[in-house]
Amino acid sequence: MAAEPASGSGAEAAIKANWAAFFSGKTSAAQKIALLQNGQTFATVISNQAGSSLSNSASATVTSVTISGTKATVKYNVGISGASLNGQTGTSVYEDSIWKVADVTFCQLLTLENGGQAPALCKSAG
């Protein structure tokens, strides 16, 4: 992946594009892993989700980005199988010159998906 801007409108555009790609059912598991902070830690989960009908119908729309140094607060909506989870707040981190979805944000969603129970691999995230 090419280096992305660390700040300004270019960074905001990169964050929006990366979040849309990360949550898209059309994005490969390998690319999702590359767009997630500590992605290799979650490789099995992402690969397992890749073939599911829920994952294939997923999408995300970023509504606002506030960058502060190497982190950004991201307001977003997630759509899955016609249902939506609007008004979510997550974090993006600038790691290896790429704006990635923070592992703590992914863990929040995994916890929701898991009925409020955080998966074991999330206990050390964040």
Protein backbone atom coordinates (compact mmCIF):
# COMPACT_ATOMS: atom_id res chain seq x y z
CA MET A 1 0.00 0.00 0.00
CA ALA A 2 1.21 3.48 -0.79
CA ALA A 3 1.92 5.95 1.99
CA GLU A 4 -1.04 8.13 2.89
CA PRO A 5 -1.02 11.74 4.12
CA ALA A 6 -0.78 12.07 7.91
CA SER A 7 -3.02 15.14 8.09
CA GLY A 8 -5.35 17.45 6.21
CA SER A 9 -8.01 16.69 3.64
CA GLY A 10 -5.88 13.94 2.06
CA ALA A 11 -5.77 12.09 5.39
CA GLU A 12 -9.54 12.47 5.83
CA ALA A 13 -10.14 11.09 2.34
CA ALA A 14 -7.80 8.15 3.05
CA ILE A 15 -9.61 7.36 6.32
CA LYS A 16 -13.02 7.44 4.61
CA ALA A 17 -11.80 5.22 1.76
CA ASN A 18 -10.06 2.76 4.09
CA TRP A 19 -13.08 2.42 6.37
CA ALA A 20 -15.39 1.88 3.39
CA ALA A 21 -12.98 -0.79 2.08
CA PHE A 22 -12.55 -2.46 5.48
CA PHE A 23 -16.29 -2.87 6.01
CA SER A 24 -17.14 -3.75 2.40
CA GLY A 25 -18.18 -7.31 1.67
CA LYS A 26 -16.31 -7.00 -1.62
CA THR A 27 -12.90 -6.43 0.00
CA SER A 28 -10.60 -9.47 0.32
CA ALA A 29 -9.69 -10.80 3.76
CA ALA A 30 -6.01 -10.00 3.06
CA GLN A 31 -6.81 -6.35 2.32
CA LYS A 32 -9.02 -6.08 5.43
CA ILE A 33 -6.18 -7.48 7.54
CA ALA A 34 -3.86 -4.81 6.08
CA LEU A 35 -6.41 -2.08 6.93
CA LEU A 36 -6.80 -3.13 10.58
CA GLN A 37 -4.42 -2.17 13.37
CA ASN A 38 -2.69 -5.40 14.47
CA GLY A 39 -4.56 -7.08 11.61
CA GLN A 40 -2.59 -10.33 11.85
CA THR A 41 -3.97 -10.83 15.37
CA PHE A 42 -7.48 -10.88 13.88
CA ALA A 43 -6.63 -12.74 10.65
CA THR A 44 -8.57 -15.88 11.59
CA VAL A 45 -11.70 -13.91 12.56
CA ILE A 46 -11.57 -11.83 9.38
CA SER A 47 -10.98 -14.89 7.20
CA ASN A 48 -13.85 -16.76 8.88
CA GLN A 49 -16.20 -13.81 8.34
CA ALA A 50 -15.17 -13.39 4.70
CA GLY A 51 -17.54 -16.02 3.33
CA SER A 52 -20.57 -15.21 5.48
CA SER A 53 -23.69 -13.63 4.04
CA LEU A 54 -23.56 -10.96 6.77
CA SER A 55 -20.05 -9.98 5.81
CA ASN A 56 -20.86 -9.98 2.10
CA SER A 57 -23.69 -7.50 2.64
CA ALA A 58 -21.75 -5.16 4.94
CA SER A 59 -20.85 -1.56 4.20
CA ALA A 60 -19.82 1.54 6.12
CA THR A 61 -20.18 5.24 5.55
CA VAL A 62 -17.96 7.69 7.42
CA THR A 63 -19.88 10.83 8.39
CA SER A 64 -17.04 12.78 10.04
CA VAL A 65 -13.34 12.56 10.84
CA THR A 66 -11.42 14.51 13.50
CA ILE A 67 -7.66 13.98 13.29
CA SER A 68 -5.43 14.53 16.31
CA GLY A 69 -1.82 13.52 15.69
CA THR A 70 -1.64 9.85 14.74
CA LYS A 71 -5.22 9.08 15.78
CA ALA A 72 -8.57 10.12 14.43
CA THR A 73 -12.07 9.97 15.84
CA VAL A 74 -14.36 8.57 13.17
CA LYS A 75 -18.16 8.86 13.18
CA TYR A 76 -19.69 6.23 10.93
CA ASN A 77 -22.73 4.17 10.01
CA VAL A 78 -22.59 0.44 9.33
CA GLY A 79 -25.07 -1.36 7.10
CA ILE A 80 -25.54 -5.14 7.21
CA SER A 81 -28.22 -7.10 5.35
CA GLY A 82 -30.53 -4.10 5.07
CA ALA A 83 -30.18 -3.19 8.77
CA SER A 84 -28.08 -0.29 9.93
CA LEU A 85 -26.11 0.69 12.98
CA ASN A 86 -25.98 4.47 12.74
CA GLY A 87 -24.08 7.05 14.75
CA GLN A 88 -21.17 4.83 15.73
CA THR A 89 -17.89 6.35 16.94
CA GLY A 90 -14.60 4.63 16.32
CA THR A 91 -10.90 5.30 16.08
CA SER A 92 -8.47 5.26 13.22
CA VAL A 93 -4.72 5.04 13.78
CA TYR A 94 -1.89 6.14 11.50
CA GLU A 95 0.39 3.12 11.42
CA ASP A 96 3.07 2.31 8.85
CA SER A 97 1.96 5.41 6.87
CA ILE A 98 -1.58 3.99 6.50
CA TRP A 99 -4.77 5.11 8.27
CA LYS A 100 -6.12 1.87 9.76
CA VAL A 101 -9.28 0.93 11.63
CA ALA A 102 -8.19 0.68 15.28
CA ASP A 103 -8.32 -2.79 16.78
CA VAL A 104 -10.35 -1.44 19.71
CA THR A 105 -13.06 -0.32 17.25
CA PHE A 106 -13.14 -3.73 15.57
CA CYS A 107 -13.38 -5.34 19.02
CA GLN A 108 -16.36 -3.14 19.93
CA LEU A 109 -18.17 -4.47 16.86
CA LEU A 110 -17.13 -8.07 17.54
CA THR A 111 -18.46 -7.68 21.09
CA LEU A 112 -21.81 -6.42 19.76
CA GLU A 113 -21.93 -9.32 17.30
CA ASN A 114 -21.12 -11.72 20.14
CA GLY A 115 -24.05 -10.62 22.33
CA GLY A 116 -22.03 -8.26 24.50
CA GLN A 117 -19.28 -10.77 25.23
CA ALA A 118 -15.81 -9.62 24.17
CA PRO A 119 -13.90 -12.30 22.25
CA ALA A 120 -10.75 -13.46 24.06
CA LEU A 121 -8.43 -11.96 21.45
CA CYS A 122 -9.94 -8.53 22.16
CA LYS A 123 -9.02 -8.51 25.82
CA SER A 124 -5.52 -7.27 24.97
CA ALA A 125 -6.57 -4.86 22.19
CA GLY A 126 -6.48 -1.12 22.59
